[in-house]
PDB file of N, CA and C in Angstrom:
ATOM      1  N   MET A   1     127.526 -94.526 -69.498  1.00  0.00           N
ATOM      2  CA  MET A   1     127.197 -95.994 -69.705  1.00  0.00           C
ATOM      3  C   MET A   1     127.067 -96.387 -71.124  1.00  0.00           C
ATOM      4  N   ILE A   2     127.611 -97.432 -71.481  1.00  0.00           N
ATOM      5  CA  ILE A   2     127.627 -97.953 -72.890  1.00  0.00           C
ATOM      6  C   ILE A   2     126.183 -98.699 -72.972  1.00  0.00           C
ATOM      7  N   ILE A   3     125.387 -98.272 -74.107  1.00  0.00           N
ATOM      8  CA  ILE A   3     124.204 -98.955 -74.316  1.00  0.00           C
ATOM      9  C   ILE A   3     124.338 -99.464 -75.848  1.00  0.00           C
ATOM     10  N   THR A   4     124.144-100.737 -76.090  1.00  0.00           N
ATOM     11  CA  THR A   4     124.328-101.279 -77.323  1.00  0.00           C
ATOM     12  C   THR A   4     123.399-102.389 -77.804  1.00  0.00           C
ATOM     13  N   THR A   5     123.103-102.572 -79.057  1.00  0.00           N
ATOM     14  CA  THR A   5     122.216-103.660 -79.424  1.00  0.00           C
ATOM     15  C   THR A   5     123.021-104.957 -79.657  1.00  0.00           C
ATOM     16  N   THR A   6     124.306-104.866 -79.666  1.00  0.00           N
ATOM     17  CA  THR A   6     125.107-106.073 -79.854  1.00  0.00           C
ATOM     18  C   THR A   6     125.319-106.798 -78.399  1.00  0.00           C
ATOM     19  N   ASN A   7     125.971-108.029 -78.481  1.00  0.00           N
ATOM     20  CA  ASN A   7     126.028-108.728 -77.358  1.00  0.00           C
ATOM     21  C   ASN A   7     127.460-108.795 -76.744  1.00  0.00           C
ATOM     22  N   SER A   8     128.247-108.051 -77.394  1.00  0.00           N
ATOM     23  CA  SER A   8     129.638-107.685 -76.748  1.00  0.00           C
ATOM     24  C   SER A   8     130.024-106.367 -77.097  1.00  0.00           C
ATOM     25  N   ILE A   9     131.079-105.853 -76.475  1.00  0.00           N
ATOM     26  CA  ILE A   9     131.596-104.510 -76.657  1.00  0.00           C
ATOM     27  C   ILE A   9     133.126-104.662 -76.897  1.00  0.00           C
ATOM     28  N   GLU A  10     133.538-104.194 -78.140  1.00  0.00           N
ATOM     29  CA  GLU A  10     134.842-104.281 -78.606  1.00  0.00           C
ATOM     30  C   GLU A  10     135.800-103.589 -77.587  1.00  0.00           C
ATOM     31  N   GLY A  11     136.831-104.275 -77.229  1.00  0.00           N
ATOM     32  CA  GLY A  11     137.823-103.774 -76.289  1.00  0.00           C
ATOM     33  C   GLY A  11     137.531-104.078 -74.788  1.00  0.00           C
ATOM     34  N   PHE A  12     136.417-104.638 -74.579  1.00  0.00           N
ATOM     35  CA  PHE A  12     136.055-104.862 -73.144  1.00  0.00           C
ATOM     36  C   PHE A  12     135.642-106.403 -73.053  1.00  0.00           C
ATOM     37  N   THR A  13     135.777-106.925 -71.814  1.00  0.00           N
ATOM     38  CA  THR A  13     135.337-108.270 -71.510  1.00  0.00           C
ATOM     39  C   THR A  13     134.147-108.169 -70.508  1.00  0.00           C
ATOM     40  N   ILE A  14     133.149-108.938 -70.768  1.00  0.00           N
ATOM     41  CA  ILE A  14     131.925-108.980 -69.915  1.00  0.00           C
ATOM     42  C   ILE A  14     132.393-109.924 -68.740  1.00  0.00           C
ATOM     43  N   ASP A  15     132.460-109.342 -67.531  1.00  0.00           N
ATOM     44  CA  ASP A  15     132.850-110.098 -66.356  1.00  0.00           C
ATOM     45  C   ASP A  15     131.607-110.831 -65.695  1.00  0.00           C
ATOM     46  N   ARG A  16     130.495-110.040 -65.640  1.00  0.00           N
ATOM     47  CA  ARG A  16     129.214-110.527 -65.011  1.00  0.00           C
ATOM     48  C   ARG A  16     128.078-110.071 -65.682  1.00  0.00           C
ATOM     49  N   TYR A  17     127.043-110.961 -65.840  1.00  0.00           N
ATOM     50  CA  TYR A  17     125.783-110.588 -66.355  1.00  0.00           C
ATOM     51  C   TYR A  17     124.919-110.263 -65.016  1.00  0.00           C
ATOM     52  N   LEU A  18     124.451-109.024 -64.931  1.00  0.00           N
ATOM     53  CA  LEU A  18     123.776-108.572 -63.723  1.00  0.00           C
ATOM     54  C   LEU A  18     122.254-108.754 -63.714  1.00  0.00           C
ATOM     55  N   GLY A  19     121.714-108.850 -64.998  1.00  0.00           N
ATOM     56  CA  GLY A  19     120.236-109.236 -65.077  1.00  0.00           C
ATOM     57  C   GLY A  19     119.525-108.324 -66.139  1.00  0.00           C
ATOM     58  N   LEU A  20     118.360-108.659 -66.395  1.00  0.00           N
ATOM     59  CA  LEU A  20     117.542-107.923 -67.351  1.00  0.00           C
ATOM     60  C   LEU A  20     117.093-106.577 -66.777  1.00  0.00           C
ATOM     61  N   VAL A  21     117.259-105.613 -67.713  1.00  0.00           N
ATOM     62  CA  VAL A  21     116.755-104.206 -67.254  1.00  0.00           C
ATOM     63  C   VAL A  21     115.762-103.732 -68.339  1.00  0.00           C
ATOM     64  N   THR A  22     114.901-102.937 -67.945  1.00  0.00           N
ATOM     65  CA  THR A  22     113.877-102.370 -68.886  1.00  0.00           C
ATOM     66  C   THR A  22     113.681-100.925 -68.758  1.00  0.00           C
ATOM     67  N   GLY A  23     113.140-100.278 -69.630  1.00  0.00           N
ATOM     68  CA  GLY A  23     112.721 -98.803 -69.594  1.00  0.00           C
ATOM     69  C   GLY A  23     111.346 -98.821 -70.431  1.00  0.00           C
ATOM     70  N   GLU A  24     110.300 -98.414 -69.904  1.00  0.00           N
ATOM     71  CA  GLU A  24     109.032 -98.384 -70.476  1.00  0.00           C
ATOM     72  C   GLU A  24     108.366 -97.082 -70.302  1.00  0.00           C
ATOM     73  N   VAL A  25     107.650 -96.577 -71.401  1.00  0.00           N
ATOM     74  CA  VAL A  25     106.994 -95.290 -71.385  1.00  0.00           C
ATOM     75  C   VAL A  25     105.757 -95.388 -72.159  1.00  0.00           C
ATOM     76  N   ILE A  26     104.641 -94.947 -71.648  1.00  0.00           N
ATOM     77  CA  ILE A  26     103.359 -94.960 -72.317  1.00  0.00           C
ATOM     78  C   ILE A  26     103.063 -93.407 -72.348  1.00  0.00           C
ATOM     79  N   ALA A  27     102.936 -92.900 -73.546  1.00  0.00           N
ATOM     80  CA  ALA A  27     102.617 -91.494 -73.843  1.00  0.00           C
ATOM     81  C   ALA A  27     101.313 -91.352 -74.526  1.00  0.00           C
ATOM     82  N   GLY A  28     100.550 -90.312 -74.057  1.00  0.00           N
ATOM     83  CA  GLY A  28      99.258 -89.955 -74.758  1.00  0.00           C
ATOM     84  C   GLY A  28      99.540 -88.853 -75.762  1.00  0.00           C
ATOM     85  N   VAL A  29      98.855 -89.140 -76.895  1.00  0.00           N
ATOM     86  CA  VAL A  29      99.114 -88.105 -78.027  1.00  0.00           C
ATOM     87  C   VAL A  29      97.866 -87.129 -77.879  1.00  0.00           C
ATOM     88  N   ASN A  30      98.056 -85.862 -77.916  1.00  0.00           N
ATOM     89  CA  ASN A  30      97.042 -84.981 -77.679  1.00  0.00           C
ATOM     90  C   ASN A  30      96.115 -84.559 -78.964  1.00  0.00           C
ATOM     91  N   LEU A  31      95.098 -83.964 -78.846  1.00  0.00           N
ATOM     92  CA  LEU A  31      94.193 -83.536 -79.915  1.00  0.00           C
ATOM     93  C   LEU A  31      94.897 -82.615 -80.932  1.00  0.00           C
ATOM     94  N   VAL A  32      95.672 -81.641 -80.494  1.00  0.00           N
ATOM     95  CA  VAL A  32      96.259 -80.787 -81.368  1.00  0.00           C
ATOM     96  C   VAL A  32      97.222 -81.511 -82.259  1.00  0.00           C
ATOM     97  N   LYS A  33      98.078 -82.471 -81.640  1.00  0.00           N
ATOM     98  CA  LYS A  33      98.953 -83.247 -82.556  1.00  0.00           C
ATOM     99  C   LYS A  33      98.180 -84.121 -83.569  1.00  0.00           C
ATOM    100  N   ASP A  34      97.051 -84.624 -83.135  1.00  0.00           N
ATOM    101  CA  ASP A  34      96.248 -85.423 -83.984  1.00  0.00           C
ATOM    102  C   ASP A  34      95.714 -84.684 -85.138  1.00  0.00           C
ATOM    103  N   ILE A  35      95.217 -83.497 -84.975  1.00  0.00           N
ATOM    104  CA  ILE A  35      94.794 -82.513 -85.938  1.00  0.00           C
ATOM    105  C   ILE A  35      95.880 -82.306 -86.959  1.00  0.00           C
ATOM    106  N   GLY A  36      97.015 -81.864 -86.404  1.00  0.00           N
ATOM    107  CA  GLY A  36      98.244 -81.573 -87.353  1.00  0.00           C
ATOM    108  C   GLY A  36      98.624 -82.859 -88.150  1.00  0.00           C
ATOM    109  N   ALA A  37      98.627 -83.937 -87.485  1.00  0.00           N
ATOM    110  CA  ALA A  37      99.017 -85.198 -88.163  1.00  0.00           C
ATOM    111  C   ALA A  37      97.893 -85.530 -89.435  1.00  0.00           C
ATOM    112  N   GLY A  38      96.739 -85.234 -89.065  1.00  0.00           N
ATOM    113  CA  GLY A  38      95.592 -85.595 -89.968  1.00  0.00           C
ATOM    114  C   GLY A  38      95.842 -84.623 -91.270  1.00  0.00           C
ATOM    115  N   LEU A  39      96.120 -83.373 -90.932  1.00  0.00           N
ATOM    116  CA  LEU A  39      96.406 -82.374 -92.168  1.00  0.00           C
ATOM    117  C   LEU A  39      97.667 -82.886 -92.987  1.00  0.00           C
ATOM    118  N   ARG A  40      98.602 -83.214 -92.264  1.00  0.00           N
ATOM    119  CA  ARG A  40      99.771 -83.641 -93.020  1.00  0.00           C
ATOM    120  C   ARG A  40      99.612 -84.980 -93.773  1.00  0.00           C
ATOM    121  N   ASN A  41      98.662 -85.915 -93.206  1.00  0.00           N
ATOM    122  CA  ASN A  41      98.223 -87.032 -93.906  1.00  0.00           C
ATOM    123  C   ASN A  41      97.583 -86.616 -95.174  1.00  0.00           C
ATOM    124  N   LEU A  42      96.745 -85.565 -95.195  1.00  0.00           N
ATOM    125  CA  LEU A  42      96.019 -85.166 -96.310  1.00  0.00           C
ATOM    126  C   LEU A  42      96.840 -84.561 -97.275  1.00  0.00           C
ATOM    127  N   PHE A  43      97.750 -83.599 -97.012  1.00  0.00           N
ATOM    128  CA  PHE A  43      98.526 -82.792 -97.855  1.00  0.00           C
ATOM    129  C   PHE A  43      99.951 -83.326 -98.034  1.00  0.00           C
ATOM    130  N   GLY A  44     100.412 -84.280 -97.257  1.00  0.00           N
ATOM    131  CA  GLY A  44     101.790 -84.779 -97.281  1.00  0.00           C
ATOM    132  C   GLY A  44     102.695 -84.058 -96.383  1.00  0.00           C
ATOM    133  N   GLY A  45     103.891 -84.677 -96.092  1.00  0.00           N
ATOM    134  CA  GLY A  45     104.803 -84.104 -95.153  1.00  0.00           C
ATOM    135  C   GLY A  45     104.969 -84.937 -93.897  1.00  0.00           C
ATOM    136  N   ARG A  46     105.841 -84.488 -93.122  1.00  0.00           N
ATOM    137  CA  ARG A  46     106.149 -85.194 -91.835  1.00  0.00           C
ATOM    138  C   ARG A  46     105.437 -84.655 -90.768  1.00  0.00           C
ATOM    139  N   SER A  47     105.081 -85.354 -89.807  1.00  0.00           N
ATOM    140  CA  SER A  47     104.306 -84.920 -88.595  1.00  0.00           C
ATOM    141  C   SER A  47     105.277 -84.606 -87.415  1.00  0.00           C
ATOM    142  N   GLN A  48     105.692 -83.328 -87.379  1.00  0.00           N
ATOM    143  CA  GLN A  48     106.673 -82.939 -86.385  1.00  0.00           C
ATOM    144  C   GLN A  48     106.198 -83.310 -84.981  1.00  0.00           C
ATOM    145  N   GLY A  49     104.852 -83.067 -84.769  1.00  0.00           N
ATOM    146  CA  GLY A  49     104.265 -83.275 -83.313  1.00  0.00           C
ATOM    147  C   GLY A  49     104.560 -84.693 -82.864  1.00  0.00           C
ATOM    148  N   TYR A  50     104.232 -85.699 -83.789  1.00  0.00           N
ATOM    149  CA  TYR A  50     104.358 -87.061 -83.534  1.00  0.00           C
ATOM    150  C   TYR A  50     105.859 -87.503 -83.313  1.00  0.00           C
ATOM    151  N   GLU A  51     106.650 -86.859 -84.257  1.00  0.00           N
ATOM    152  CA  GLU A  51     108.240 -87.164 -84.237  1.00  0.00           C
ATOM    153  C   GLU A  51     108.715 -86.661 -83.004  1.00  0.00           C
ATOM    154  N   GLU A  52     108.289 -85.577 -82.441  1.00  0.00           N
ATOM    155  CA  GLU A  52     108.775 -85.040 -81.165  1.00  0.00           C
ATOM    156  C   GLU A  52     108.254 -85.967 -79.931  1.00  0.00           C
ATOM    157  N   GLU A  53     107.011 -86.308 -80.113  1.00  0.00           N
ATOM    158  CA  GLU A  53     106.491 -87.305 -79.044  1.00  0.00           C
ATOM    159  C   GLU A  53     107.302 -88.487 -78.961  1.00  0.00           C
ATOM    160  N   LEU A  54     107.591 -89.135 -80.166  1.00  0.00           N
ATOM    161  CA  LEU A  54     108.393 -90.389 -80.207  1.00  0.00           C
ATOM    162  C   LEU A  54     109.793 -90.161 -79.685  1.00  0.00           C
ATOM    163  N   LEU A  55     110.455 -89.052 -79.993  1.00  0.00           N
ATOM    164  CA  LEU A  55     111.795 -88.732 -79.523  1.00  0.00           C
ATOM    165  C   LEU A  55     111.805 -88.611 -78.015  1.00  0.00           C
ATOM    166  N   THR A  56     110.770 -87.901 -77.423  1.00  0.00           N
ATOM    167  CA  THR A  56     110.689 -87.746 -76.054  1.00  0.00           C
ATOM    168  C   THR A  56     110.479 -89.100 -75.295  1.00  0.00           C
ATOM    169  N   ALA A  57     109.513 -89.859 -75.863  1.00  0.00           N
ATOM    170  CA  ALA A  57     109.255 -91.220 -75.315  1.00  0.00           C
ATOM    171  C   ALA A  57     110.504 -92.085 -75.328  1.00  0.00           C
ATOM    172  N   ARG A  58     111.177 -92.153 -76.376  1.00  0.00           N
ATOM    173  CA  ARG A  58     112.361 -92.997 -76.565  1.00  0.00           C
ATOM    174  C   ARG A  58     113.444 -92.612 -75.637  1.00  0.00           C
ATOM    175  N   GLU A  59     113.615 -91.174 -75.507  1.00  0.00           N
ATOM    176  CA  GLU A  59     114.686 -90.713 -74.586  1.00  0.00           C
ATOM    177  C   GLU A  59     114.264 -91.137 -73.032  1.00  0.00           C
ATOM    178  N   SER A  60     113.024 -90.944 -72.757  1.00  0.00           N
ATOM    179  CA  SER A  60     112.573 -91.404 -71.391  1.00  0.00           C
ATOM    180  C   SER A  60     112.759 -92.894 -71.131  1.00  0.00           C
ATOM    181  N   ALA A  61     112.395 -93.657 -72.066  1.00  0.00           N
ATOM    182  CA  ALA A  61     112.673 -95.146 -71.886  1.00  0.00           C
ATOM    183  C   ALA A  61     114.080 -95.447 -71.784  1.00  0.00           C
ATOM    184  N   GLN A  62     115.124 -94.852 -72.495  1.00  0.00           N
ATOM    185  CA  GLN A  62     116.436 -95.115 -72.470  1.00  0.00           C
ATOM    186  C   GLN A  62     116.895 -94.624 -71.026  1.00  0.00           C
ATOM    187  N   ARG A  63     116.421 -93.418 -70.555  1.00  0.00           N
ATOM    188  CA  ARG A  63     116.892 -92.991 -69.226  1.00  0.00           C
ATOM    189  C   ARG A  63     116.474 -94.015 -68.144  1.00  0.00           C
ATOM    190  N   GLU A  64     115.174 -94.540 -68.223  1.00  0.00           N
ATOM    191  CA  GLU A  64     114.713 -95.608 -67.273  1.00  0.00           C
ATOM    192  C   GLU A  64     115.568 -96.775 -67.394  1.00  0.00           C
ATOM    193  N   LEU A  65     116.008 -97.215 -68.608  1.00  0.00           N
ATOM    194  CA  LEU A  65     116.924 -98.362 -68.782  1.00  0.00           C
ATOM    195  C   LEU A  65     118.105 -98.219 -68.080  1.00  0.00           C
ATOM    196  N   VAL A  66     118.873 -96.967 -68.228  1.00  0.00           N
ATOM    197  CA  VAL A  66     120.034 -96.657 -67.648  1.00  0.00           C
ATOM    198  C   VAL A  66     120.013 -96.664 -66.225  1.00  0.00           C
ATOM    199  N   GLU A  67     118.967 -96.011 -65.650  1.00  0.00           N
ATOM    200  CA  GLU A  67     118.808 -95.953 -64.190  1.00  0.00           C
ATOM    201  C   GLU A  67     118.680 -97.366 -63.588  1.00  0.00           C
ATOM    202  N   SER A  68     117.878 -98.278 -64.266  1.00  0.00           N
ATOM    203  CA  SER A  68     117.798 -99.652 -63.831  1.00  0.00           C
ATOM    204  C   SER A  68     119.148-100.320 -63.799  1.00  0.00           C
ATOM    205  N   ALA A  69     119.980-100.062 -64.856  1.00  0.00           N
ATOM    206  CA  ALA A  69     121.326-100.668 -64.872  1.00  0.00           C
ATOM    207  C   ALA A  69     122.174-100.250 -63.766  1.00  0.00           C
ATOM    208  N   GLN A  70     122.095 -98.831 -63.584  1.00  0.00           N
ATOM    209  CA  GLN A  70     122.972 -98.278 -62.573  1.00  0.00           C
ATOM    210  C   GLN A  70     122.561 -98.781 -61.214  1.00  0.00           C
ATOM    211  N   ARG A  71     121.374 -99.039 -60.904  1.00  0.00           N
ATOM    212  CA  ARG A  71     121.011 -99.627 -59.600  1.00  0.00           C
ATOM    213  C   ARG A  71     121.632-101.006 -59.377  1.00  0.00           C
ATOM    214  N   LEU A  72     121.940-101.743 -60.475  1.00  0.00           N
ATOM    215  CA  LEU A  72     122.538-102.991 -60.434  1.00  0.00           C
ATOM    216  C   LEU A  72     124.025-102.965 -60.444  1.00  0.00           C
ATOM    217  N   GLY A  73     124.576-101.685 -60.535  1.00  0.00           N
ATOM    218  CA  GLY A  73     126.061-101.446 -60.465  1.00  0.00           C
ATOM    219  C   GLY A  73     126.662-101.750 -61.995  1.00  0.00           C
ATOM    220  N   ALA A  74     125.931-101.684 -62.980  1.00  0.00           N
ATOM    221  CA  ALA A  74     126.449-102.079 -64.279  1.00  0.00           C
ATOM    222  C   ALA A  74     127.241-100.968 -64.980  1.00  0.00           C
ATOM    223  N   ASP A  75     128.106-101.413 -65.846  1.00  0.00           N
ATOM    224  CA  ASP A  75     128.943-100.520 -66.639  1.00  0.00           C
ATOM    225  C   ASP A  75     128.229-100.364 -68.040  1.00  0.00           C
ATOM    226  N   ALA A  76     127.411-101.230 -68.388  1.00  0.00           N
ATOM    227  CA  ALA A  76     126.881-101.217 -69.780  1.00  0.00           C
ATOM    228  C   ALA A  76     125.507-102.066 -69.841  1.00  0.00           C
ATOM    229  N   VAL A  77     124.852-101.791 -70.938  1.00  0.00           N
ATOM    230  CA  VAL A  77     123.705-102.687 -71.210  1.00  0.00           C
ATOM    231  C   VAL A  77     123.905-103.241 -72.618  1.00  0.00           C
ATOM    232  N   VAL A  78     123.837-104.612 -72.773  1.00  0.00           N
ATOM    233  CA  VAL A  78     123.974-105.151 -73.992  1.00  0.00           C
ATOM    234  C   VAL A  78     122.730-105.810 -74.528  1.00  0.00           C
ATOM    235  N   GLY A  79     122.614-106.113 -75.756  1.00  0.00           N
ATOM    236  CA  GLY A  79     121.586-106.889 -76.421  1.00  0.00           C
ATOM    237  C   GLY A  79     120.283-105.997 -76.335  1.00  0.00           C
ATOM    238  N   VAL A  80     120.496-104.644 -76.464  1.00  0.00           N
ATOM    239  CA  VAL A  80     119.159-103.798 -76.285  1.00  0.00           C
ATOM    240  C   VAL A  80     118.243-103.919 -77.368  1.00  0.00           C
ATOM    241  N   ASP A  81     116.984-104.060 -77.085  1.00  0.00           N
ATOM    242  CA  ASP A  81     115.827-104.161 -78.081  1.00  0.00           C
ATOM    243  C   ASP A  81     114.966-103.004 -77.793  1.00  0.00           C
ATOM    244  N   LEU A  82     114.610-102.309 -78.936  1.00  0.00           N
ATOM    245  CA  LEU A  82     113.717-101.133 -78.817  1.00  0.00           C
ATOM    246  C   LEU A  82     112.403-101.452 -79.535  1.00  0.00           C
ATOM    247  N   ASP A  83     111.259-101.332 -78.908  1.00  0.00           N
ATOM    248  CA  ASP A  83     110.032-101.650 -79.377  1.00  0.00           C
ATOM    249  C   ASP A  83     109.031-100.470 -79.274  1.00  0.00           C
ATOM    250  N   TYR A  84     108.206-100.274 -80.360  1.00  0.00           N
ATOM    251  CA  TYR A  84     107.139 -99.250 -80.332  1.00  0.00           C
ATOM    252  C   TYR A  84     105.804-100.030 -80.489  1.00  0.00           C
ATOM    253  N   GLU A  85     104.787 -99.507 -79.765  1.00  0.00           N
ATOM    254  CA  GLU A  85     103.345-100.112 -79.856  1.00  0.00           C
ATOM    255  C   GLU A  85     102.423 -99.036 -79.803  1.00  0.00           C
ATOM    256  N   VAL A  86     101.370 -99.109 -80.407  1.00  0.00           N
ATOM    257  CA  VAL A  86     100.272 -98.194 -80.448  1.00  0.00           C
ATOM    258  C   VAL A  86      99.132 -98.912 -79.481  1.00  0.00           C
ATOM    259  N   LEU A  87      98.622 -98.170 -78.563  1.00  0.00           N
ATOM    260  CA  LEU A  87      97.687 -98.670 -77.625  1.00  0.00           C
ATOM    261  C   LEU A  87      96.313 -98.037 -77.658  1.00  0.00           C
ATOM    262  N   GLY A  88      95.325 -98.703 -77.142  1.00  0.00           N
ATOM    263  CA  GLY A  88      94.029 -97.994 -77.143  1.00  0.00           C
ATOM    264  C   GLY A  88      93.484 -97.817 -78.522  1.00  0.00           C
ATOM    265  N   GLN A  89      92.843 -96.670 -78.730  1.00  0.00           N
ATOM    266  CA  GLN A  89      92.260 -96.365 -80.051  1.00  0.00           C
ATOM    267  C   GLN A  89      93.332 -95.641 -80.853  1.00  0.00           C
ATOM    268  N   GLY A  90      94.570 -95.898 -80.716  1.00  0.00           N
ATOM    269  CA  GLY A  90      95.617 -95.200 -81.437  1.00  0.00           C
ATOM    270  C   GLY A  90      96.109 -93.828 -80.767  1.00  0.00           C
ATOM    271  N   ASP A  91      95.618 -93.623 -79.548  1.00  0.00           N
ATOM    272  CA  ASP A  91      95.916 -92.393 -78.991  1.00  0.00           C
ATOM    273  C   ASP A  91      97.035 -92.485 -77.895  1.00  0.00           C
ATOM    274  N   MET A  92      97.572 -93.679 -77.720  1.00  0.00           N
ATOM    275  CA  MET A  92      98.554 -93.933 -76.686  1.00  0.00           C
ATOM    276  C   MET A  92      99.796 -94.675 -77.458  1.00  0.00           C
ATOM    277  N   LEU A  93     100.946 -94.267 -77.114  1.00  0.00           N
ATOM    278  CA  LEU A  93     102.185 -94.803 -77.645  1.00  0.00           C
ATOM    279  C   LEU A  93     103.011 -95.481 -76.594  1.00  0.00           C
ATOM    280  N   MET A  94     103.368 -96.670 -76.636  1.00  0.00           N
ATOM    281  CA  MET A  94     104.293 -97.256 -75.760  1.00  0.00           C
ATOM    282  C   MET A  94     105.669 -97.510 -76.386  1.00  0.00           C
ATOM    283  N   VAL A  95     106.594 -97.146 -75.706  1.00  0.00           N
ATOM    284  CA  VAL A  95     108.067 -97.343 -76.101  1.00  0.00           C
ATOM    285  C   VAL A  95     108.657 -98.217 -75.008  1.00  0.00           C
ATOM    286  N   SER A  96     109.176 -99.316 -75.449  1.00  0.00           N
ATOM    287  CA  SER A  96     109.952-100.145 -74.415  1.00  0.00           C
ATOM    288  C   SER A  96     111.350-100.526 -74.894  1.00  0.00           C
ATOM    289  N   MET A  97     112.322-100.537 -73.990  1.00  0.00           N
ATOM    290  CA  MET A  97     113.583-100.890 -74.263  1.00  0.00           C
ATOM    291  C   MET A  97     114.096-101.995 -73.260  1.00  0.00           C
ATOM    292  N   THR A  98     114.626-103.066 -73.723  1.00  0.00           N
ATOM    293  CA  THR A  98     114.983-104.170 -72.772  1.00  0.00           C
ATOM    294  C   THR A  98     116.542-104.534 -73.168  1.00  0.00           C
ATOM    295  N   GLY A  99     117.271-104.870 -72.219  1.00  0.00           N
ATOM    296  CA  GLY A  99     118.641-105.319 -72.411  1.00  0.00           C
ATOM    297  C   GLY A  99     119.203-106.120 -71.168  1.00  0.00           C
ATOM    298  N   THR A 100     120.347-106.370 -71.333  1.00  0.00           N
ATOM    299  CA  THR A 100     121.049-107.121 -70.130  1.00  0.00           C
ATOM    300  C   THR A 100     122.199-106.253 -69.499  1.00  0.00           C
ATOM    301  N   ALA A 101     122.079-105.878 -68.272  1.00  0.00           N
ATOM    302  CA  ALA A 101     123.051-105.145 -67.614  1.00  0.00           C
ATOM    303  C   ALA A 101     124.284-106.006 -67.275  1.00  0.00           C
ATOM    304  N   VAL A 102     125.502-105.386 -67.550  1.00  0.00           N
ATOM    305  CA  VAL A 102     126.666-106.172 -67.474  1.00  0.00           C
ATOM    306  C   VAL A 102     127.764-105.354 -66.707  1.00  0.00           C
ATOM    307  N   ALA A 103     128.620-106.030 -66.115  1.00  0.00           N
ATOM    308  CA  ALA A 103     129.858-105.504 -65.577  1.00  0.00           C
ATOM    309  C   ALA A 103     131.020-105.706 -66.455  1.00  0.00           C
ATOM    310  N   LEU A 104     131.873-104.855 -66.698  1.00  0.00           N
ATOM    311  CA  LEU A 104     132.901-104.854 -67.787  1.00  0.00           C
ATOM    312  C   LEU A 104     134.299-104.710 -67.149  1.00  0.00           C
ATOM    313  N   SER A 105     135.298-105.247 -67.879  1.00  0.00           N
ATOM    314  CA  SER A 105     136.672-104.903 -67.599  1.00  0.00           C
ATOM    315  C   SER A 105     137.346-104.616 -68.905  1.00  0.00           C
ATOM    316  N   TYR A 106     138.282-103.671 -68.890  1.00  0.00           N
ATOM    317  CA  TYR A 106     138.930-103.352 -70.130  1.00  0.00           C
ATOM    318  C   TYR A 106     140.038-104.308 -70.505  1.00  0.00           C
ATOM    319  N   ARG A 107     140.070-104.594 -71.748  1.00  0.00           N
ATOM    320  CA  ARG A 107     141.067-105.554 -72.237  1.00  0.00           C
ATOM    321  C   ARG A 107     142.364-104.924 -72.832  1.00  0.00           C
ATOM    322  N   GLY A 108     142.543-103.575 -72.624  1.00  0.00           N
ATOM    323  CA  GLY A 108     143.727-102.998 -73.265  1.00  0.00           C
ATOM    324  C   GLY A 108     145.001-103.394 -72.613  1.00  0.00           C
TER     325      GLY A 108
END
């Protein structure tokens, strides 16, 4: 399935707009990652624990987005927007993806 932030896909015509689709994930960040991130904050460097958590959450949100689009019979999702939010006391991360599911035909 094609996933794009643009509103069109080169080489294809959008035949039908099937509706809004979303993928949303709320992930908790554990104490061990918090301690590691705190040390990196103090001494410098990247927080691998948080980066892995972000990657996992983003991949899960995209998987949900694709599954929603597939249920509608879509070939692609256009106009995708990706958002990150911190919830609670900073111990929860929300990743959300939204877009428009579309049916395509090849222009070739």
